[in-house]
Amino acid sequence: MATSVEALTTQLTPLVESLGLGLHDVEISRGLVRVTVTRESGVSLEDLTGANSVISTYLDEHDPFESRYTLEVTSPGVERTLRTPSHFAAALGEMVRIKTVPGAVADRRVEGIVTAATDEHVTVTPEGGEPVRLAYDQIDRAKTAFSWGPTPKPSPSRAGAPRGKRRQVSPLPERITTP
């Protein structure tokens, strides 16, 4: 019997919460069931192992899928996907990158700080710009954005070397054959 993301989320939430974790997201795609768990203080490898064991046992006992699947239990990571109103509410004060559906805003890309999130819309304020209010159905994709620091300079020993300073490669010598 097939199951939906919503049904699986409802079934797994109490199991994950019993471990002191929160259920961030459930994805079902092409034989992969990805369950993302979270905790305010962070998720350890032991937390993921425990959650994997509990979820795997539950799925084995209830067999909600018609075909084979792979279970992946993971943490959201530093740059996490935002899909639901609760995801956006949890990202208040964080930098996000959003790609909108065509026609939602003049520029389909919005980047800024999440300043408000309700059940109907999210407000993102770009650095030095005016707040942009988007209904969730106007959002194609959204992720939190982490600033990794300045872009490093290219290494001169690699392809990024300045022009004129690249290594010269001499041609191969002609092959000489003897009779």
C-alpha atoms as a PDB file:
ATOM      1  CA  MET A   1       0.000   0.000   0.000  1.00  0.00           C
ATOM      2  CA  ALA A   2       1.401   3.427  -0.956  1.00  0.00           C
ATOM      3  CA  THR A   3       1.633   6.230   1.556  1.00  0.00           C
ATOM      4  CA  SER A   4       1.841  10.012   1.284  1.00  0.00           C
ATOM      5  CA  VAL A   5       4.424  12.357   2.760  1.00  0.00           C
ATOM      6  CA  GLU A   6       1.729  13.828   5.021  1.00  0.00           C
ATOM      7  CA  ALA A   7       0.658  10.405   6.334  1.00  0.00           C
ATOM      8  CA  LEU A   8       4.243   9.320   6.950  1.00  0.00           C
ATOM      9  CA  THR A   9       5.010  12.615   8.697  1.00  0.00           C
ATOM     10  CA  THR A  10       2.037  12.084  11.025  1.00  0.00           C
ATOM     11  CA  GLN A  11       3.146   8.509  11.768  1.00  0.00           C
ATOM     12  CA  LEU A  12       6.831   9.299  12.356  1.00  0.00           C
ATOM     13  CA  THR A  13       6.505  12.514  14.380  1.00  0.00           C
ATOM     14  CA  PRO A  14       5.742  10.830  17.749  1.00  0.00           C
ATOM     15  CA  LEU A  15       8.517   8.276  17.197  1.00  0.00           C
ATOM     16  CA  VAL A  16      11.119  10.951  16.515  1.00  0.00           C
ATOM     17  CA  GLU A  17       9.881  13.151  19.375  1.00  0.00           C
ATOM     18  CA  SER A  18      10.217  10.205  21.788  1.00  0.00           C
ATOM     19  CA  LEU A  19      13.968  10.390  21.075  1.00  0.00           C
ATOM     20  CA  GLY A  20      14.091  14.092  21.967  1.00  0.00           C
ATOM     21  CA  LEU A  21      14.318  15.126  18.310  1.00  0.00           C
ATOM     22  CA  GLY A  22      12.048  17.072  15.996  1.00  0.00           C
ATOM     23  CA  LEU A  23      10.868  15.911  12.591  1.00  0.00           C
ATOM     24  CA  HIS A  24      12.008  18.592  10.143  1.00  0.00           C
ATOM     25  CA  ASP A  25      10.992  16.965   6.865  1.00  0.00           C
ATOM     26  CA  VAL A  26      10.005  13.769   5.057  1.00  0.00           C
ATOM     27  CA  GLU A  27      10.676  13.247   1.351  1.00  0.00           C
ATOM     28  CA  ILE A  28       9.649  10.285  -0.772  1.00  0.00           C
ATOM     29  CA  SER A  29      11.254  10.101  -4.201  1.00  0.00           C
ATOM     30  CA  ARG A  30      12.136   7.231  -6.572  1.00  0.00           C
ATOM     31  CA  GLY A  31      12.756   4.532  -4.007  1.00  0.00           C
ATOM     32  CA  LEU A  32      14.271   6.897  -1.434  1.00  0.00           C
ATOM     33  CA  VAL A  33      12.628   7.827   1.856  1.00  0.00           C
ATOM     34  CA  ARG A  34      14.568  10.724   3.399  1.00  0.00           C
ATOM     35  CA  VAL A  35      13.678  11.640   6.977  1.00  0.00           C
ATOM     36  CA  THR A  36      15.294  14.821   8.298  1.00  0.00           C
ATOM     37  CA  VAL A  37      15.489  15.214  12.072  1.00  0.00           C
ATOM     38  CA  THR A  38      16.560  18.216  14.081  1.00  0.00           C
ATOM     39  CA  ARG A  39      17.188  19.496  17.578  1.00  0.00           C
ATOM     40  CA  GLU A  40      17.921  23.021  18.750  1.00  0.00           C
ATOM     41  CA  SER A  41      21.269  21.967  20.269  1.00  0.00           C
ATOM     42  CA  GLY A  42      22.220  20.028  17.119  1.00  0.00           C
ATOM     43  CA  VAL A  43      21.993  16.416  15.993  1.00  0.00           C
ATOM     44  CA  SER A  44      24.785  13.947  16.746  1.00  0.00           C
ATOM     45  CA  LEU A  45      25.737  10.785  14.905  1.00  0.00           C
ATOM     46  CA  GLU A  46      24.307   8.795  17.819  1.00  0.00           C
ATOM     47  CA  ASP A  47      20.989  10.682  17.431  1.00  0.00           C
ATOM     48  CA  LEU A  48      20.870   9.784  13.732  1.00  0.00           C
ATOM     49  CA  THR A  49      21.718   6.148  14.463  1.00  0.00           C
ATOM     50  CA  GLY A  50      18.965   5.902  17.093  1.00  0.00           C
ATOM     51  CA  ALA A  51      16.406   7.606  14.853  1.00  0.00           C
ATOM     52  CA  ASN A  52      17.355   5.359  11.940  1.00  0.00           C
ATOM     53  CA  SER A  53      16.846   2.260  14.060  1.00  0.00           C
ATOM     54  CA  VAL A  54      13.443   3.357  15.406  1.00  0.00           C
ATOM     55  CA  ILE A  55      12.141   4.523  12.009  1.00  0.00           C
ATOM     56  CA  SER A  56      13.445   1.438  10.204  1.00  0.00           C
ATOM     57  CA  THR A  57      11.757  -0.871  12.733  1.00  0.00           C
ATOM     58  CA  TYR A  58       8.480   1.021  12.388  1.00  0.00           C
ATOM     59  CA  LEU A  59       8.569   0.884   8.576  1.00  0.00           C
ATOM     60  CA  ASP A  60       9.440  -2.838   8.638  1.00  0.00           C
ATOM     61  CA  GLU A  61       6.470  -3.554  10.909  1.00  0.00           C
ATOM     62  CA  HIS A  62       3.941  -1.412   9.017  1.00  0.00           C
ATOM     63  CA  ASP A  63       5.250  -1.871   5.445  1.00  0.00           C
ATOM     64  CA  PRO A  64       3.771   1.354   3.988  1.00  0.00           C
ATOM     65  CA  PHE A  65       5.387   1.015   0.541  1.00  0.00           C
ATOM     66  CA  GLU A  66       4.540  -1.249  -2.372  1.00  0.00           C
ATOM     67  CA  SER A  67       8.121  -1.588  -3.608  1.00  0.00           C
ATOM     68  CA  ARG A  68      11.686  -1.535  -2.305  1.00  0.00           C
ATOM     69  CA  TYR A  69      13.074   1.680  -0.878  1.00  0.00           C
ATOM     70  CA  THR A  70      16.161   3.064   0.817  1.00  0.00           C
ATOM     71  CA  LEU A  71      15.773   4.843   4.144  1.00  0.00           C
ATOM     72  CA  GLU A  72      17.996   7.850   4.777  1.00  0.00           C
ATOM     73  CA  VAL A  73      17.886   9.593   8.150  1.00  0.00           C
ATOM     74  CA  THR A  74      19.768  12.892   8.171  1.00  0.00           C
ATOM     75  CA  SER A  75      20.060  16.305   9.807  1.00  0.00           C
ATOM     76  CA  PRO A  76      19.018  19.468   7.941  1.00  0.00           C
ATOM     77  CA  GLY A  77      22.564  20.759   7.571  1.00  0.00           C
ATOM     78  CA  VAL A  78      23.739  24.337   7.536  1.00  0.00           C
ATOM     79  CA  GLU A  79      21.967  25.114   4.243  1.00  0.00           C
ATOM     80  CA  ARG A  80      18.585  23.446   4.509  1.00  0.00           C
ATOM     81  CA  THR A  81      15.598  23.299   2.201  1.00  0.00           C
ATOM     82  CA  LEU A  82      12.518  25.268   3.270  1.00  0.00           C
ATOM     83  CA  ARG A  83       9.139  23.958   2.107  1.00  0.00           C
ATOM     84  CA  THR A  84       6.534  24.435   4.813  1.00  0.00           C
ATOM     85  CA  PRO A  85       5.366  27.433   6.858  1.00  0.00           C
ATOM     86  CA  SER A  86       6.981  25.845   9.933  1.00  0.00           C
ATOM     87  CA  HIS A  87      10.322  25.640   8.074  1.00  0.00           C
ATOM     88  CA  PHE A  88      10.166  29.378   7.335  1.00  0.00           C
ATOM     89  CA  ALA A  89       9.089  30.179  10.911  1.00  0.00           C
ATOM     90  CA  ALA A  90      12.099  28.230  12.208  1.00  0.00           C
ATOM     91  CA  ALA A  91      14.343  30.283   9.879  1.00  0.00           C
ATOM     92  CA  LEU A  92      13.339  33.695  11.299  1.00  0.00           C
ATOM     93  CA  GLY A  93      16.407  35.936  11.338  1.00  0.00           C
ATOM     94  CA  GLU A  94      18.341  33.726   8.913  1.00  0.00           C
ATOM     95  CA  MET A  95      19.570  34.478   5.408  1.00  0.00           C
ATOM     96  CA  VAL A  96      17.607  32.662   2.676  1.00  0.00           C
ATOM     97  CA  ARG A  97      17.719  32.304  -1.099  1.00  0.00           C
ATOM     98  CA  ILE A  98      14.369  31.927  -2.833  1.00  0.00           C
ATOM     99  CA  LYS A  99      13.520  31.208  -6.440  1.00  0.00           C
ATOM    100  CA  THR A 100       9.946  32.190  -7.215  1.00  0.00           C
ATOM    101  CA  VAL A 101       7.522  30.884  -9.792  1.00  0.00           C
ATOM    102  CA  PRO A 102       7.346  32.936 -13.024  1.00  0.00           C
ATOM    103  CA  GLY A 103       5.431  36.188 -12.578  1.00  0.00           C
ATOM    104  CA  ALA A 104       5.573  36.280  -8.762  1.00  0.00           C
ATOM    105  CA  VAL A 105       8.088  39.139  -8.573  1.00  0.00           C
ATOM    106  CA  ALA A 106      10.072  41.097 -11.160  1.00  0.00           C
ATOM    107  CA  ASP A 107      13.298  39.228 -10.419  1.00  0.00           C
ATOM    108  CA  ARG A 108      12.648  35.520  -9.815  1.00  0.00           C
ATOM    109  CA  ARG A 109      15.423  35.390  -7.213  1.00  0.00           C
ATOM    110  CA  VAL A 110      15.028  36.869  -3.750  1.00  0.00           C
ATOM    111  CA  GLU A 111      17.814  36.803  -1.177  1.00  0.00           C
ATOM    112  CA  GLY A 112      17.617  38.269   2.298  1.00  0.00           C
ATOM    113  CA  ILE A 113      16.730  37.771   5.950  1.00  0.00           C
ATOM    114  CA  VAL A 114      13.435  36.102   6.927  1.00  0.00           C
ATOM    115  CA  THR A 115      11.715  38.819   8.958  1.00  0.00           C
ATOM    116  CA  ALA A 116       8.223  37.284   9.221  1.00  0.00           C
ATOM    117  CA  ALA A 117       6.529  33.959   8.532  1.00  0.00           C
ATOM    118  CA  THR A 118       2.835  33.149   8.902  1.00  0.00           C
ATOM    119  CA  ASP A 119       0.704  30.248   7.697  1.00  0.00           C
ATOM    120  CA  GLU A 120       0.012  32.170   4.451  1.00  0.00           C
ATOM    121  CA  HIS A 121       3.220  34.033   3.550  1.00  0.00           C
ATOM    122  CA  VAL A 122       6.860  34.791   4.326  1.00  0.00           C
ATOM    123  CA  THR A 123       8.557  38.194   4.356  1.00  0.00           C
ATOM    124  CA  VAL A 124      12.189  38.445   3.267  1.00  0.00           C
ATOM    125  CA  THR A 125      14.182  41.651   3.608  1.00  0.00           C
ATOM    126  CA  PRO A 126      17.144  41.963   1.217  1.00  0.00           C
ATOM    127  CA  GLU A 127      20.242  43.753   2.503  1.00  0.00           C
ATOM    128  CA  GLY A 128      19.596  47.472   1.990  1.00  0.00           C
ATOM    129  CA  GLY A 129      16.284  46.788   0.257  1.00  0.00           C
ATOM    130  CA  GLU A 130      12.561  46.815   0.839  1.00  0.00           C
ATOM    131  CA  PRO A 131      10.841  43.764   2.379  1.00  0.00           C
ATOM    132  CA  VAL A 132       9.402  41.264  -0.116  1.00  0.00           C
ATOM    133  CA  ARG A 133       6.249  39.405   0.911  1.00  0.00           C
ATOM    134  CA  LEU A 134       5.653  36.084  -0.826  1.00  0.00           C
ATOM    135  CA  ALA A 135       2.757  33.671  -0.549  1.00  0.00           C
ATOM    136  CA  TYR A 136       4.047  30.100  -0.274  1.00  0.00           C
ATOM    137  CA  ASP A 137       2.492  29.172  -3.627  1.00  0.00           C
ATOM    138  CA  GLN A 138       4.712  31.844  -5.230  1.00  0.00           C
ATOM    139  CA  ILE A 139       7.859  30.006  -4.101  1.00  0.00           C
ATOM    140  CA  ASP A 140       9.440  27.439  -6.394  1.00  0.00           C
ATOM    141  CA  ARG A 141      12.478  26.650  -4.179  1.00  0.00           C
ATOM    142  CA  ALA A 142      13.930  28.052  -0.976  1.00  0.00           C
ATOM    143  CA  LYS A 143      17.008  27.330   1.141  1.00  0.00           C
ATOM    144  CA  THR A 144      18.778  28.885   4.050  1.00  0.00           C
ATOM    145  CA  ALA A 145      22.053  30.461   2.925  1.00  0.00           C
ATOM    146  CA  PHE A 146      25.280  30.265   4.880  1.00  0.00           C
ATOM    147  CA  SER A 147      28.086  32.743   4.253  1.00  0.00           C
ATOM    148  CA  TRP A 148      31.245  30.701   3.830  1.00  0.00           C
ATOM    149  CA  GLY A 149      33.550  33.725   3.834  1.00  0.00           C
ATOM    150  CA  PRO A 150      35.481  35.441   1.048  1.00  0.00           C
ATOM    151  CA  THR A 151      36.192  33.636  -2.211  1.00  0.00           C
ATOM    152  CA  PRO A 152      39.773  32.328  -2.169  1.00  0.00           C
ATOM    153  CA  LYS A 153      42.246  33.494  -4.778  1.00  0.00           C
ATOM    154  CA  PRO A 154      42.865  30.961  -7.565  1.00  0.00           C
ATOM    155  CA  SER A 155      46.081  28.980  -7.330  1.00  0.00           C
ATOM    156  CA  PRO A 156      48.663  29.992  -9.957  1.00  0.00           C
ATOM    157  CA  SER A 157      49.608  26.317 -10.359  1.00  0.00           C
ATOM    158  CA  ARG A 158      46.125  25.504 -11.623  1.00  0.00           C
ATOM    159  CA  ALA A 159      43.974  26.608 -14.531  1.00  0.00           C
ATOM    160  CA  GLY A 160      43.204  29.872 -12.723  1.00  0.00           C
ATOM    161  CA  ALA A 161      46.722  31.221 -13.295  1.00  0.00           C
ATOM    162  CA  PRO A 162      46.923  34.687 -14.834  1.00  0.00           C
ATOM    163  CA  ARG A 163      47.315  34.776 -18.619  1.00  0.00           C
ATOM    164  CA  GLY A 164      50.885  34.779 -19.832  1.00  0.00           C
ATOM    165  CA  LYS A 165      52.083  32.875 -16.800  1.00  0.00           C
ATOM    166  CA  ARG A 166      50.744  29.466 -17.738  1.00  0.00           C
ATOM    167  CA  ARG A 167      53.200  26.642 -18.083  1.00  0.00           C
ATOM    168  CA  GLN A 168      54.414  26.114 -21.607  1.00  0.00           C
ATOM    169  CA  VAL A 169      53.983  22.576 -22.892  1.00  0.00           C
ATOM    170  CA  SER A 170      56.532  21.501 -25.467  1.00  0.00           C
ATOM    171  CA  PRO A 171      55.304  19.464 -28.435  1.00  0.00           C
ATOM    172  CA  LEU A 172      55.999  15.731 -28.509  1.00  0.00           C
ATOM    173  CA  PRO A 173      59.047  14.759 -30.583  1.00  0.00           C
ATOM    174  CA  GLU A 174      58.455  13.048 -33.918  1.00  0.00           C
ATOM    175  CA  ARG A 175      58.534   9.303 -33.759  1.00  0.00           C
ATOM    176  CA  ILE A 176      61.600   7.850 -35.448  1.00  0.00           C
ATOM    177  CA  THR A 177      61.384   4.353 -36.824  1.00  0.00           C
ATOM    178  CA  THR A 178      64.324   2.244 -37.880  1.00  0.00           C
ATOM    179  CA  PRO A 179      64.218  -0.312 -40.720  1.00  0.00           C
END
